[in-house]
Amino acid sequence: MNKQLTASKINILAFDASTEALSLVLSYNGQLFHHFEECPQQHSQKILPLVDSLLAQANCKLTDLDVIGFGQGPGSFTGVRISVAIAQGLAYACKLPLVGVSTLQMMAQQAYQQTGEMSVFSAIDARMGEIYFAHYTLNDIGIMTLQDDERVLKPTLLTLEDKQGVAVGTGWQTYPEILQDNANIAVNNEITLPDAGFMLATVSHEFTHKRTVSAAQAQPKYVRDTVTWKKLPGRE
């Protein structure tokens, strides 16, 4: 099974700025417009011009859309706030509903759509010797679904001896020793950062089932309950 990024029948703008990557996708009238780049600490300068660029390419306006999706974290605190704030601003301006999507779920969804994997372990380097971690499995409608909770923890505290599946995200590159004794979990080195293009299936499903929020209700998902950490050069 090798499903790639595909357009939604619903008109959706989605974006994520929660990590080093900045990604946007516009699905409009069956057309797909996508942007992905790694640009640490440049998200706030680039995101709105890129939104305008995608809308111009599609020859549409924000008011032509049905819903906006946004990456709600976990990730860098600055990046998560940018995602939420931009989503709120656009939603307020155009009276559009919002759907927040986890960065960890995006990577799991990408693994499924590109390779058919149905058990995915997502981990993002959270700095300070920790990772953001979650396990996702496929439900019966093709959406990767959270098992247990999203967590932030020391890699040494993660136990996966009895688990099987694929690992995605920067956490595994930063701490390869986590899986050195586990032959049942393989690392997919092609999926390291979340890509908003793989929010479309989730946003479409949530919108169809009327599980949206207003601009005032949009919330970040920090996972870590403190906003103080050591910043590294080139990192947010």
Protein backbone atom coordinates (compact mmCIF):
# COMPACT_ATOMS: atom_id res chain seq x y z
CA MET A 1 0.00 0.00 0.00
CA ASN A 2 1.52 3.33 -0.99
CA LYS A 3 -0.87 6.21 -0.48
CA GLN A 4 0.55 9.65 -1.08
CA LEU A 5 -0.71 13.11 -0.19
CA THR A 6 -4.17 13.51 -1.73
CA ALA A 7 -6.71 16.31 -1.92
CA SER A 8 -9.80 16.38 0.26
CA LYS A 9 -13.33 16.87 -1.00
CA ILE A 10 -13.63 19.58 1.63
CA ASN A 11 -11.91 22.93 1.08
CA ILE A 12 -9.19 23.04 3.72
CA LEU A 13 -6.24 25.24 4.60
CA ALA A 14 -3.90 23.59 7.13
CA PHE A 15 -0.50 24.51 8.50
CA ASP A 16 2.00 23.65 11.20
CA ALA A 17 4.87 25.63 12.70
CA SER A 18 5.45 23.56 15.84
CA THR A 19 8.94 22.28 15.03
CA GLU A 20 11.91 23.25 12.87
CA ALA A 21 9.68 22.52 9.88
CA LEU A 22 7.11 24.93 8.47
CA SER A 23 4.45 23.27 6.35
CA LEU A 24 1.19 24.34 4.72
CA VAL A 25 -1.36 22.65 2.53
CA LEU A 26 -4.40 23.94 0.67
CA SER A 27 -7.00 21.55 -0.70
CA TYR A 28 -9.45 23.48 -2.86
CA ASN A 29 -11.95 22.15 -5.40
CA GLY A 30 -9.98 18.95 -5.81
CA GLN A 31 -6.66 20.75 -6.29
CA LEU A 32 -3.75 20.38 -3.89
CA PHE A 33 -1.14 23.03 -3.05
CA HIS A 34 1.60 22.09 -0.61
CA HIS A 35 4.69 23.67 0.95
CA PHE A 36 7.25 22.12 3.32
CA GLU A 37 10.60 23.48 4.45
CA GLU A 38 12.90 23.44 7.44
CA CYS A 39 13.46 27.04 8.54
CA PRO A 40 14.15 27.31 12.29
CA GLN A 41 13.17 30.64 13.84
CA GLN A 42 11.71 32.00 10.59
CA HIS A 43 8.16 30.70 10.91
CA SER A 44 6.56 33.95 12.03
CA GLN A 45 8.02 35.84 9.07
CA LYS A 46 7.17 33.25 6.45
CA ILE A 47 3.82 31.73 7.34
CA LEU A 48 1.38 34.48 6.29
CA PRO A 49 3.12 35.21 2.95
CA LEU A 50 3.00 31.47 2.26
CA VAL A 51 -0.72 31.37 3.08
CA ASP A 52 -1.24 34.20 0.59
CA SER A 53 0.88 32.37 -1.99
CA LEU A 54 -1.11 29.14 -1.74
CA LEU A 55 -4.42 31.01 -1.97
CA ALA A 56 -3.18 32.89 -5.03
CA GLN A 57 -2.07 29.66 -6.70
CA ALA A 58 -5.52 28.20 -6.14
CA ASN A 59 -7.25 31.45 -7.16
CA CYS A 60 -9.38 31.39 -4.03
CA LYS A 61 -10.01 33.46 -0.91
CA LEU A 62 -10.10 32.40 2.72
CA THR A 63 -13.85 32.90 2.68
CA ASP A 64 -14.11 30.20 0.00
CA LEU A 65 -12.83 27.60 2.46
CA ASP A 66 -14.75 25.31 4.79
CA VAL A 67 -12.29 24.85 7.65
CA ILE A 68 -8.76 25.61 8.83
CA GLY A 69 -6.52 22.97 10.38
CA PHE A 70 -3.56 23.83 12.59
CA GLY A 71 -0.75 21.96 14.30
CA GLN A 72 -1.45 22.26 18.00
CA GLY A 73 1.79 20.65 19.23
CA PRO A 74 3.63 19.25 20.95
CA GLY A 75 6.74 20.98 19.73
CA SER A 76 8.62 24.19 20.44
CA PHE A 77 6.62 26.57 22.59
CA THR A 78 7.25 29.45 20.19
CA GLY A 79 6.25 27.39 17.18
CA VAL A 80 3.11 26.01 18.77
CA ARG A 81 2.00 29.51 19.75
CA ILE A 82 2.58 30.71 16.18
CA SER A 83 0.40 27.91 14.78
CA VAL A 84 -2.43 28.60 17.20
CA ALA A 85 -2.26 32.40 16.91
CA ILE A 86 -2.28 32.39 13.10
CA ALA A 87 -5.17 29.93 13.06
CA GLN A 88 -7.14 32.08 15.48
CA GLY A 89 -6.48 35.26 13.52
CA LEU A 90 -7.57 33.76 10.20
CA ALA A 91 -10.60 32.10 11.76
CA TYR A 92 -11.73 35.32 13.45
CA ALA A 93 -11.31 37.26 10.20
CA CYS A 94 -13.28 34.83 8.06
CA LYS A 95 -15.57 33.17 10.63
CA LEU A 96 -14.21 29.72 9.85
CA PRO A 97 -14.15 26.70 12.20
CA LEU A 98 -10.86 25.19 13.32
CA VAL A 99 -9.50 21.70 13.84
CA GLY A 100 -6.31 21.20 15.84
CA VAL A 101 -4.13 18.19 15.01
CA SER A 102 -1.25 16.72 16.99
CA THR A 103 2.19 16.92 15.43
CA LEU A 104 2.81 13.34 16.57
CA GLN A 105 -0.38 12.17 14.85
CA MET A 106 0.63 13.91 11.60
CA MET A 107 3.79 11.84 11.39
CA ALA A 108 1.91 8.64 12.18
CA GLN A 109 -0.65 9.48 9.49
CA GLN A 110 2.15 10.10 7.01
CA ALA A 111 3.67 6.71 7.78
CA TYR A 112 0.35 5.03 7.09
CA GLN A 113 -0.43 6.96 3.92
CA GLN A 114 3.01 6.48 2.43
CA THR A 115 3.89 2.97 3.56
CA GLY A 116 0.74 1.36 4.92
CA GLU A 117 2.11 1.05 8.47
CA MET A 118 -0.67 0.53 11.01
CA SER A 119 1.31 0.75 14.27
CA VAL A 120 3.49 3.86 14.55
CA PHE A 121 5.60 5.23 17.40
CA SER A 122 6.09 9.00 17.00
CA ALA A 123 8.82 10.82 18.91
CA ILE A 124 10.03 14.42 18.64
CA ASP A 125 13.20 15.62 20.33
CA ALA A 126 11.89 17.82 23.17
CA ARG A 127 15.35 19.10 24.21
CA MET A 128 16.54 18.96 27.84
CA GLY A 129 17.20 15.23 27.41
CA GLU A 130 13.53 14.41 26.76
CA ILE A 131 11.24 13.35 23.94
CA TYR A 132 7.59 13.90 23.10
CA PHE A 133 6.20 10.42 22.49
CA ALA A 134 2.97 8.72 21.45
CA HIS A 135 1.83 5.43 19.93
CA TYR A 136 -0.79 5.42 17.16
CA THR A 137 -2.67 2.61 15.48
CA LEU A 138 -4.97 2.63 12.47
CA ASN A 139 -8.73 2.75 13.00
CA ASP A 140 -11.30 1.32 10.60
CA ILE A 141 -11.65 4.53 8.57
CA GLY A 142 -7.98 5.13 7.83
CA ILE A 143 -7.11 7.55 10.63
CA MET A 144 -4.18 6.96 12.94
CA THR A 145 -5.58 6.99 16.47
CA LEU A 146 -3.82 7.68 19.76
CA GLN A 147 -3.18 4.79 22.13
CA ASP A 148 -2.80 5.81 25.78
CA ASP A 149 -1.48 9.40 26.11
CA GLU A 150 0.97 11.76 24.47
CA ARG A 151 3.87 12.11 26.88
CA VAL A 152 7.11 13.95 27.48
CA LEU A 153 9.71 11.77 29.15
CA LYS A 154 13.34 10.79 29.43
CA PRO A 155 14.24 8.27 26.70
CA THR A 156 15.57 5.89 29.35
CA LEU A 157 12.07 5.62 30.82
CA LEU A 158 10.50 4.42 27.57
CA THR A 159 9.85 0.66 27.46
CA LEU A 160 8.86 -0.89 24.14
CA GLU A 161 10.01 -4.50 24.52
CA ASP A 162 6.67 -6.06 23.61
CA LYS A 163 5.72 -3.56 20.91
CA GLN A 164 5.82 -3.86 17.12
CA GLY A 165 5.63 -1.22 14.41
CA VAL A 166 7.54 1.66 12.89
CA ALA A 167 9.23 4.62 14.60
CA VAL A 168 9.09 8.14 13.10
CA GLY A 169 10.37 11.53 14.20
CA THR A 170 13.53 13.27 15.37
CA GLY A 171 13.42 11.58 18.76
CA TRP A 172 14.75 8.32 17.33
CA GLN A 173 17.63 10.02 15.50
CA THR A 174 18.61 11.90 18.65
CA TYR A 175 18.37 8.86 20.91
CA PRO A 176 18.99 5.77 18.74
CA GLU A 177 19.86 3.72 21.81
CA ILE A 178 16.16 3.54 22.72
CA LEU A 179 15.57 0.89 20.07
CA GLN A 180 18.94 -0.82 19.90
CA ASP A 181 17.61 -3.96 21.61
CA ASN A 182 14.22 -4.00 19.89
CA ALA A 183 14.13 -5.80 16.55
CA ASN A 184 10.35 -5.43 16.26
CA ILE A 185 10.39 -1.66 15.73
CA ALA A 186 12.11 -0.23 12.65
CA VAL A 187 12.97 3.45 12.25
CA ASN A 188 11.64 5.25 9.18
CA ASN A 189 14.34 7.84 8.58
CA GLU A 190 12.31 9.54 5.84
CA ILE A 191 9.72 10.87 8.33
CA THR A 192 11.45 13.06 10.89
CA LEU A 193 9.27 16.18 11.24
CA PRO A 194 5.50 16.79 10.99
CA ASP A 195 4.07 17.79 7.61
CA ALA A 196 0.72 19.61 7.47
CA GLY A 197 -0.07 17.80 4.24
CA PHE A 198 -0.91 14.78 6.33
CA MET A 199 -3.44 16.68 8.42
CA LEU A 200 -6.00 16.62 5.62
CA ALA A 201 -7.55 13.23 6.39
CA THR A 202 -7.97 14.08 10.08
CA VAL A 203 -9.24 17.62 9.52
CA SER A 204 -11.71 16.40 6.90
CA HIS A 205 -13.01 13.67 9.22
CA GLU A 206 -13.37 15.99 12.22
CA PHE A 207 -15.10 18.66 10.15
CA THR A 208 -17.52 16.14 8.64
CA HIS A 209 -18.46 14.95 12.12
CA LYS A 210 -18.83 18.54 13.40
CA ARG A 211 -15.92 18.23 15.82
CA THR A 212 -14.49 21.68 15.29
CA VAL A 213 -13.68 24.59 17.60
CA SER A 214 -14.09 28.32 17.27
CA ALA A 215 -11.15 30.71 17.21
CA ALA A 216 -11.70 31.47 20.91
CA GLN A 217 -11.63 27.77 21.77
CA ALA A 218 -8.42 26.87 19.91
CA GLN A 219 -5.80 25.60 22.35
CA PRO A 220 -2.17 24.53 22.10
CA LYS A 221 -1.02 21.11 23.30
CA TYR A 222 2.27 21.67 25.04
CA VAL A 223 2.40 18.29 26.91
CA ARG A 224 5.26 19.72 28.99
CA ASP A 225 3.67 21.88 31.68
CA THR A 226 6.43 24.47 31.95
CA VAL A 227 7.50 26.94 29.30
CA THR A 228 11.11 27.19 30.44
CA TRP A 229 13.82 25.19 28.70
CA LYS A 230 17.36 25.50 27.42
CA LYS A 231 17.42 26.80 23.89
CA LEU A 232 20.06 25.46 21.55
CA PRO A 233 21.60 27.52 18.73
CA GLY A 234 19.30 27.46 15.69
CA ARG A 235 16.41 25.95 17.66
CA GLU A 236 13.19 27.57 18.78
